[in-house]
Amino acid sequence: MTTPPEIQTLIDAVVRADTSDGLLEATEALAATGHPDSAPCLLEILGFNNPGAAVAAVDGLIAIGEPVVDTILDNLDGYNYGARAWSVRALAGIGDRRGLSVLERALAADIGPSVRRAAACGLGNLKLSDAEQADAERQRCLSGLIQATGDGEWIVRYAVTVGLERRLNDEHCPDALRNAGLEALEQLNSDAKEDVKVVRLRAALALQRLNAG
């Protein structure tokens, strides 16, 4: 199918942009459309050295949603760390189960705390729509989050508490997994285990909500 003229015009504006501000404005306009045909251009922008434009491109990819997931996965750049990191953020925001493996690896091993934080949120938000694989995927999400309670950065541990609460709120979560998740939250709520107050407070809130439910 041919790209609609109005989308092509916005893509051309991105290509013609010759300043950082110009690229940002052009990217924001393209991203606001949420049109699937904008995806290749938005993905290319993730590799540019322009964080503002990258943020706008990620928002655009999230707006497109599930139709763009395979394109993101097929174009993960193994050599451009920045582009890969932004792609993880996009996958986390979309929450499609096809991004599970990428989010798992990012949370476990990415060098960037902000990327690990996004991955933790992504594992918490992942939509487990495939009934045949939902149990295994739920376990993978929770296992990744539980392991990340030992992350060296508090912003990641904070995101882990949020992710754990969302996953444990699932009525289909088996008792063994739920108990393991609650134990992980108890450790994040412990003065002896967690030295950052805001993480302890968020873990306490998660436990309060889960136990009340």
C-alpha atoms as a PDB file:
ATOM      1  CA  MET A   1       0.000   0.000   0.000  1.00  0.00           C
ATOM      2  CA  THR A   2       1.120   3.534  -0.737  1.00  0.00           C
ATOM      3  CA  THR A   3       1.889   5.832   2.171  1.00  0.00           C
ATOM      4  CA  PRO A   4      -0.825   8.491   2.475  1.00  0.00           C
ATOM      5  CA  PRO A   5       0.351  11.864   1.083  1.00  0.00           C
ATOM      6  CA  GLU A   6      -0.089  13.659   4.411  1.00  0.00           C
ATOM      7  CA  ILE A   7       2.127  11.095   6.176  1.00  0.00           C
ATOM      8  CA  GLN A   8       4.717  11.215   3.422  1.00  0.00           C
ATOM      9  CA  THR A   9       4.820  15.003   3.749  1.00  0.00           C
ATOM     10  CA  LEU A  10       5.621  14.683   7.458  1.00  0.00           C
ATOM     11  CA  ILE A  11       8.270  12.035   6.746  1.00  0.00           C
ATOM     12  CA  ASP A  12       9.844  14.340   4.158  1.00  0.00           C
ATOM     13  CA  ALA A  13       9.918  17.100   6.772  1.00  0.00           C
ATOM     14  CA  VAL A  14      11.935  14.831   9.073  1.00  0.00           C
ATOM     15  CA  VAL A  15      14.367  14.057   6.268  1.00  0.00           C
ATOM     16  CA  ARG A  16      14.789  17.753   5.439  1.00  0.00           C
ATOM     17  CA  ALA A  17      15.301  18.878   9.045  1.00  0.00           C
ATOM     18  CA  ASP A  18      18.762  20.387   9.380  1.00  0.00           C
ATOM     19  CA  THR A  19      18.740  21.535  13.017  1.00  0.00           C
ATOM     20  CA  SER A  20      18.066  19.774  16.318  1.00  0.00           C
ATOM     21  CA  ASP A  21      14.997  21.896  16.973  1.00  0.00           C
ATOM     22  CA  GLY A  22      13.767  21.328  13.451  1.00  0.00           C
ATOM     23  CA  LEU A  23      14.160  17.577  13.807  1.00  0.00           C
ATOM     24  CA  LEU A  24      12.338  17.618  17.125  1.00  0.00           C
ATOM     25  CA  GLU A  25       9.399  19.552  15.708  1.00  0.00           C
ATOM     26  CA  ALA A  26       9.182  17.352  12.619  1.00  0.00           C
ATOM     27  CA  THR A  27       9.369  14.186  14.716  1.00  0.00           C
ATOM     28  CA  GLU A  28       6.661  15.380  17.086  1.00  0.00           C
ATOM     29  CA  ALA A  29       4.362  16.131  14.157  1.00  0.00           C
ATOM     30  CA  LEU A  30       4.974  12.704  12.612  1.00  0.00           C
ATOM     31  CA  ALA A  31       4.657  10.861  15.923  1.00  0.00           C
ATOM     32  CA  ALA A  32       1.342  12.558  16.681  1.00  0.00           C
ATOM     33  CA  THR A  33      -0.280  10.809  13.732  1.00  0.00           C
ATOM     34  CA  GLY A  34       0.111   7.328  15.220  1.00  0.00           C
ATOM     35  CA  HIS A  35       0.131   6.032  11.649  1.00  0.00           C
ATOM     36  CA  PRO A  36       1.841   2.667  11.008  1.00  0.00           C
ATOM     37  CA  ASP A  37       3.568   4.033   7.897  1.00  0.00           C
ATOM     38  CA  SER A  38       5.514   6.412  10.119  1.00  0.00           C
ATOM     39  CA  ALA A  39       7.214   3.503  11.927  1.00  0.00           C
ATOM     40  CA  PRO A  40      10.331   3.074   9.719  1.00  0.00           C
ATOM     41  CA  CYS A  41      11.128   6.773   9.949  1.00  0.00           C
ATOM     42  CA  LEU A  42      10.514   6.880  13.698  1.00  0.00           C
ATOM     43  CA  LEU A  43      12.789   3.875  14.191  1.00  0.00           C
ATOM     44  CA  GLU A  44      15.533   5.574  12.203  1.00  0.00           C
ATOM     45  CA  ILE A  45      15.244   8.630  14.451  1.00  0.00           C
ATOM     46  CA  LEU A  46      16.037   6.454  17.479  1.00  0.00           C
ATOM     47  CA  GLY A  47      19.577   6.146  16.146  1.00  0.00           C
ATOM     48  CA  PHE A  48      20.118   9.893  15.863  1.00  0.00           C
ATOM     49  CA  ASN A  49      22.006  11.785  18.556  1.00  0.00           C
ATOM     50  CA  ASN A  50      18.935  13.790  19.552  1.00  0.00           C
ATOM     51  CA  PRO A  51      17.320  12.665  22.821  1.00  0.00           C
ATOM     52  CA  GLY A  52      14.351  14.996  22.440  1.00  0.00           C
ATOM     53  CA  ALA A  53      13.504  13.614  19.018  1.00  0.00           C
ATOM     54  CA  ALA A  54      14.058  10.070  20.288  1.00  0.00           C
ATOM     55  CA  VAL A  55      11.546  10.613  23.101  1.00  0.00           C
ATOM     56  CA  ALA A  56       9.009  11.887  20.580  1.00  0.00           C
ATOM     57  CA  ALA A  57       9.725   8.928  18.284  1.00  0.00           C
ATOM     58  CA  VAL A  58       9.204   6.471  21.155  1.00  0.00           C
ATOM     59  CA  ASP A  59       5.869   8.141  21.944  1.00  0.00           C
ATOM     60  CA  GLY A  60       4.905   7.751  18.301  1.00  0.00           C
ATOM     61  CA  LEU A  61       5.831   4.074  18.241  1.00  0.00           C
ATOM     62  CA  ILE A  62       3.834   3.469  21.431  1.00  0.00           C
ATOM     63  CA  ALA A  63       0.870   5.253  19.845  1.00  0.00           C
ATOM     64  CA  ILE A  64       1.035   2.891  16.869  1.00  0.00           C
ATOM     65  CA  GLY A  65       1.089  -0.016  19.319  1.00  0.00           C
ATOM     66  CA  GLU A  66       1.000  -3.706  18.503  1.00  0.00           C
ATOM     67  CA  PRO A  67       1.278  -3.336  14.684  1.00  0.00           C
ATOM     68  CA  VAL A  68       4.806  -1.956  15.069  1.00  0.00           C
ATOM     69  CA  VAL A  69       6.222  -4.591  17.438  1.00  0.00           C
ATOM     70  CA  ASP A  70       7.594  -6.945  14.786  1.00  0.00           C
ATOM     71  CA  THR A  71       9.189  -3.994  12.977  1.00  0.00           C
ATOM     72  CA  ILE A  72      10.935  -2.924  16.184  1.00  0.00           C
ATOM     73  CA  LEU A  73      12.141  -6.452  16.893  1.00  0.00           C
ATOM     74  CA  ASP A  74      13.390  -6.927  13.336  1.00  0.00           C
ATOM     75  CA  ASN A  75      15.353  -3.680  13.493  1.00  0.00           C
ATOM     76  CA  LEU A  76      17.007  -3.891  16.913  1.00  0.00           C
ATOM     77  CA  ASP A  77      20.450  -2.418  16.354  1.00  0.00           C
ATOM     78  CA  GLY A  78      23.179  -4.528  17.916  1.00  0.00           C
ATOM     79  CA  TYR A  79      25.795  -1.848  17.264  1.00  0.00           C
ATOM     80  CA  ASN A  80      23.958   1.353  18.174  1.00  0.00           C
ATOM     81  CA  TYR A  81      23.363   1.220  21.930  1.00  0.00           C
ATOM     82  CA  GLY A  82      21.266   4.390  21.938  1.00  0.00           C
ATOM     83  CA  ALA A  83      18.859   3.102  19.311  1.00  0.00           C
ATOM     84  CA  ARG A  84      18.535  -0.239  21.092  1.00  0.00           C
ATOM     85  CA  ALA A  85      17.879   1.459  24.416  1.00  0.00           C
ATOM     86  CA  TRP A  86      15.122   3.621  22.935  1.00  0.00           C
ATOM     87  CA  SER A  87      13.627   0.532  21.277  1.00  0.00           C
ATOM     88  CA  VAL A  88      13.419  -1.173  24.676  1.00  0.00           C
ATOM     89  CA  ARG A  89      11.508   1.824  25.982  1.00  0.00           C
ATOM     90  CA  ALA A  90       9.092   1.585  23.079  1.00  0.00           C
ATOM     91  CA  LEU A  91       8.520  -2.139  23.628  1.00  0.00           C
ATOM     92  CA  ALA A  92       7.980  -1.535  27.345  1.00  0.00           C
ATOM     93  CA  GLY A  93       5.389   1.132  26.602  1.00  0.00           C
ATOM     94  CA  ILE A  94       3.513  -1.023  24.108  1.00  0.00           C
ATOM     95  CA  GLY A  95       3.411  -4.030  26.438  1.00  0.00           C
ATOM     96  CA  ASP A  96       3.077  -6.666  23.728  1.00  0.00           C
ATOM     97  CA  ARG A  97       4.116 -10.193  24.727  1.00  0.00           C
ATOM     98  CA  ARG A  98       6.402 -10.485  21.679  1.00  0.00           C
ATOM     99  CA  GLY A  99       8.790  -8.103  23.415  1.00  0.00           C
ATOM    100  CA  LEU A 100       9.206 -10.336  26.479  1.00  0.00           C
ATOM    101  CA  SER A 101      12.652 -11.723  25.635  1.00  0.00           C
ATOM    102  CA  VAL A 102      14.061  -8.268  24.884  1.00  0.00           C
ATOM    103  CA  LEU A 103      12.662  -6.859  28.131  1.00  0.00           C
ATOM    104  CA  GLU A 104      14.031  -9.795  30.128  1.00  0.00           C
ATOM    105  CA  ARG A 105      17.535  -9.297  28.757  1.00  0.00           C
ATOM    106  CA  ALA A 106      17.389  -5.543  29.228  1.00  0.00           C
ATOM    107  CA  LEU A 107      16.334  -5.770  32.873  1.00  0.00           C
ATOM    108  CA  ALA A 108      18.960  -8.389  33.644  1.00  0.00           C
ATOM    109  CA  ALA A 109      21.945  -6.940  31.837  1.00  0.00           C
ATOM    110  CA  ASP A 110      21.538  -3.518  30.216  1.00  0.00           C
ATOM    111  CA  ILE A 111      24.186  -1.007  31.266  1.00  0.00           C
ATOM    112  CA  GLY A 112      21.712   1.869  31.463  1.00  0.00           C
ATOM    113  CA  PRO A 113      19.648   2.217  34.672  1.00  0.00           C
ATOM    114  CA  SER A 114      16.909   4.078  32.791  1.00  0.00           C
ATOM    115  CA  VAL A 115      16.672   1.206  30.307  1.00  0.00           C
ATOM    116  CA  ARG A 116      16.469  -1.357  33.112  1.00  0.00           C
ATOM    117  CA  ARG A 117      13.791   0.752  34.775  1.00  0.00           C
ATOM    118  CA  ALA A 118      11.772   0.835  31.544  1.00  0.00           C
ATOM    119  CA  ALA A 119      12.184  -2.924  31.169  1.00  0.00           C
ATOM    120  CA  ALA A 120      10.903  -3.489  34.717  1.00  0.00           C
ATOM    121  CA  CYS A 121       7.835  -1.402  33.962  1.00  0.00           C
ATOM    122  CA  GLY A 122       7.412  -3.308  30.719  1.00  0.00           C
ATOM    123  CA  LEU A 123       7.448  -6.700  32.441  1.00  0.00           C
ATOM    124  CA  GLY A 124       4.824  -5.400  34.838  1.00  0.00           C
ATOM    125  CA  ASN A 125       2.621  -4.120  32.018  1.00  0.00           C
ATOM    126  CA  LEU A 126       3.046  -6.992  29.564  1.00  0.00           C
ATOM    127  CA  LYS A 127      -0.274  -8.181  28.148  1.00  0.00           C
ATOM    128  CA  LEU A 128      -0.447 -11.967  28.452  1.00  0.00           C
ATOM    129  CA  SER A 129      -3.186 -12.590  25.914  1.00  0.00           C
ATOM    130  CA  ASP A 130      -2.104 -16.003  24.651  1.00  0.00           C
ATOM    131  CA  ALA A 131      -3.875 -18.483  26.933  1.00  0.00           C
ATOM    132  CA  GLU A 132      -1.557 -21.365  26.039  1.00  0.00           C
ATOM    133  CA  GLN A 133       1.600 -19.488  26.973  1.00  0.00           C
ATOM    134  CA  ALA A 134       0.325 -17.053  29.601  1.00  0.00           C
ATOM    135  CA  ASP A 135       1.383 -19.155  32.616  1.00  0.00           C
ATOM    136  CA  ALA A 136       4.968 -19.566  31.393  1.00  0.00           C
ATOM    137  CA  GLU A 137       5.212 -15.907  30.424  1.00  0.00           C
ATOM    138  CA  ARG A 138       3.793 -14.771  33.758  1.00  0.00           C
ATOM    139  CA  GLN A 139       6.466 -16.831  35.506  1.00  0.00           C
ATOM    140  CA  ARG A 140       9.199 -15.315  33.312  1.00  0.00           C
ATOM    141  CA  CYS A 141       7.983 -11.797  34.075  1.00  0.00           C
ATOM    142  CA  LEU A 142       7.887 -12.414  37.806  1.00  0.00           C
ATOM    143  CA  SER A 143      11.214 -14.235  37.851  1.00  0.00           C
ATOM    144  CA  GLY A 144      12.892 -11.349  36.053  1.00  0.00           C
ATOM    145  CA  LEU A 145      11.369  -8.805  38.415  1.00  0.00           C
ATOM    146  CA  ILE A 146      12.261 -10.787  41.529  1.00  0.00           C
ATOM    147  CA  GLN A 147      15.855 -11.159  40.385  1.00  0.00           C
ATOM    148  CA  ALA A 148      16.039  -7.417  39.758  1.00  0.00           C
ATOM    149  CA  THR A 149      15.186  -6.579  43.376  1.00  0.00           C
ATOM    150  CA  GLY A 150      18.953  -6.725  43.870  1.00  0.00           C
ATOM    151  CA  ASP A 151      19.686  -4.123  41.197  1.00  0.00           C
ATOM    152  CA  GLY A 152      22.291  -1.591  42.277  1.00  0.00           C
ATOM    153  CA  GLU A 153      20.205   1.438  41.241  1.00  0.00           C
ATOM    154  CA  TRP A 154      17.271   2.530  43.377  1.00  0.00           C
ATOM    155  CA  ILE A 155      15.271   3.825  40.401  1.00  0.00           C
ATOM    156  CA  VAL A 156      15.285   0.300  39.001  1.00  0.00           C
ATOM    157  CA  ARG A 157      14.262  -1.257  42.322  1.00  0.00           C
ATOM    158  CA  TYR A 158      11.443   1.290  42.582  1.00  0.00           C
ATOM    159  CA  ALA A 159      10.205   0.275  39.116  1.00  0.00           C
ATOM    160  CA  VAL A 160      10.488  -3.364  40.167  1.00  0.00           C
ATOM    161  CA  THR A 161       8.085  -2.756  43.078  1.00  0.00           C
ATOM    162  CA  VAL A 162       5.586  -1.242  40.642  1.00  0.00           C
ATOM    163  CA  GLY A 163       6.010  -4.138  38.225  1.00  0.00           C
ATOM    164  CA  LEU A 164       5.650  -6.736  40.961  1.00  0.00           C
ATOM    165  CA  GLU A 165       2.456  -5.161  42.255  1.00  0.00           C
ATOM    166  CA  ARG A 166       0.900  -5.209  38.802  1.00  0.00           C
ATOM    167  CA  ARG A 167       1.904  -8.807  38.122  1.00  0.00           C
ATOM    168  CA  LEU A 168       0.793 -10.056  41.557  1.00  0.00           C
ATOM    169  CA  ASN A 169      -2.550  -8.328  41.120  1.00  0.00           C
ATOM    170  CA  ASP A 170      -3.330 -10.855  38.390  1.00  0.00           C
ATOM    171  CA  GLU A 171      -6.035 -13.240  39.615  1.00  0.00           C
ATOM    172  CA  HIS A 172      -4.444 -16.021  37.553  1.00  0.00           C
ATOM    173  CA  CYS A 173      -1.098 -15.767  39.361  1.00  0.00           C
ATOM    174  CA  PRO A 174      -0.331 -19.165  41.017  1.00  0.00           C
ATOM    175  CA  ASP A 175       0.073 -19.179  44.792  1.00  0.00           C
ATOM    176  CA  ALA A 176       3.748 -20.187  44.631  1.00  0.00           C
ATOM    177  CA  LEU A 177       4.599 -17.269  42.333  1.00  0.00           C
ATOM    178  CA  ARG A 178       2.487 -14.862  44.357  1.00  0.00           C
ATOM    179  CA  ASN A 179       4.226 -15.884  47.576  1.00  0.00           C
ATOM    180  CA  ALA A 180       7.655 -15.465  45.984  1.00  0.00           C
ATOM    181  CA  GLY A 181       6.668 -12.019  44.726  1.00  0.00           C
ATOM    182  CA  LEU A 182       5.310 -10.980  48.108  1.00  0.00           C
ATOM    183  CA  GLU A 183       8.525 -12.146  49.764  1.00  0.00           C
ATOM    184  CA  ALA A 184      10.520 -10.013  47.312  1.00  0.00           C
ATOM    185  CA  LEU A 185       8.368  -6.997  48.178  1.00  0.00           C
ATOM    186  CA  GLU A 186       8.854  -7.688  51.890  1.00  0.00           C
ATOM    187  CA  GLN A 187      12.615  -7.508  51.358  1.00  0.00           C
ATOM    188  CA  LEU A 188      12.245  -4.185  49.524  1.00  0.00           C
ATOM    189  CA  ASN A 189      10.156  -2.985  52.467  1.00  0.00           C
ATOM    190  CA  SER A 190      12.804  -3.995  55.005  1.00  0.00           C
ATOM    191  CA  ASP A 191      15.179  -1.460  56.589  1.00  0.00           C
ATOM    192  CA  ALA A 192      17.773  -4.219  56.778  1.00  0.00           C
ATOM    193  CA  LYS A 193      17.572  -5.037  53.065  1.00  0.00           C
ATOM    194  CA  GLU A 194      16.695  -1.707  51.410  1.00  0.00           C
ATOM    195  CA  ASP A 195      18.443   1.536  52.330  1.00  0.00           C
ATOM    196  CA  VAL A 196      16.456   3.938  50.114  1.00  0.00           C
ATOM    197  CA  LYS A 197      13.342   5.185  51.873  1.00  0.00           C
ATOM    198  CA  VAL A 198      11.266   5.910  48.769  1.00  0.00           C
ATOM    199  CA  VAL A 199      11.719   2.310  47.596  1.00  0.00           C
ATOM    200  CA  ARG A 200      10.657   0.999  51.002  1.00  0.00           C
ATOM    201  CA  LEU A 201       7.597   3.236  50.966  1.00  0.00           C
ATOM    202  CA  ARG A 202       6.599   2.086  47.481  1.00  0.00           C
ATOM    203  CA  ALA A 203       7.064  -1.550  48.469  1.00  0.00           C
ATOM    204  CA  ALA A 204       4.952  -0.980  51.580  1.00  0.00           C
ATOM    205  CA  LEU A 205       2.196   0.559  49.457  1.00  0.00           C
ATOM    206  CA  ALA A 206       2.303  -2.401  47.084  1.00  0.00           C
ATOM    207  CA  LEU A 207       2.024  -4.869  49.966  1.00  0.00           C
ATOM    208  CA  GLN A 208      -0.829  -2.907  51.515  1.00  0.00           C
ATOM    209  CA  ARG A 209      -2.801  -2.921  48.275  1.00  0.00           C
ATOM    210  CA  LEU A 210      -2.102  -6.571  47.500  1.00  0.00           C
ATOM    211  CA  ASN A 211      -2.973  -7.774  50.991  1.00  0.00           C
ATOM    212  CA  ALA A 212      -6.138  -5.678  51.012  1.00  0.00           C
ATOM    213  CA  GLY A 213      -7.221  -7.309  47.756  1.00  0.00           C
END
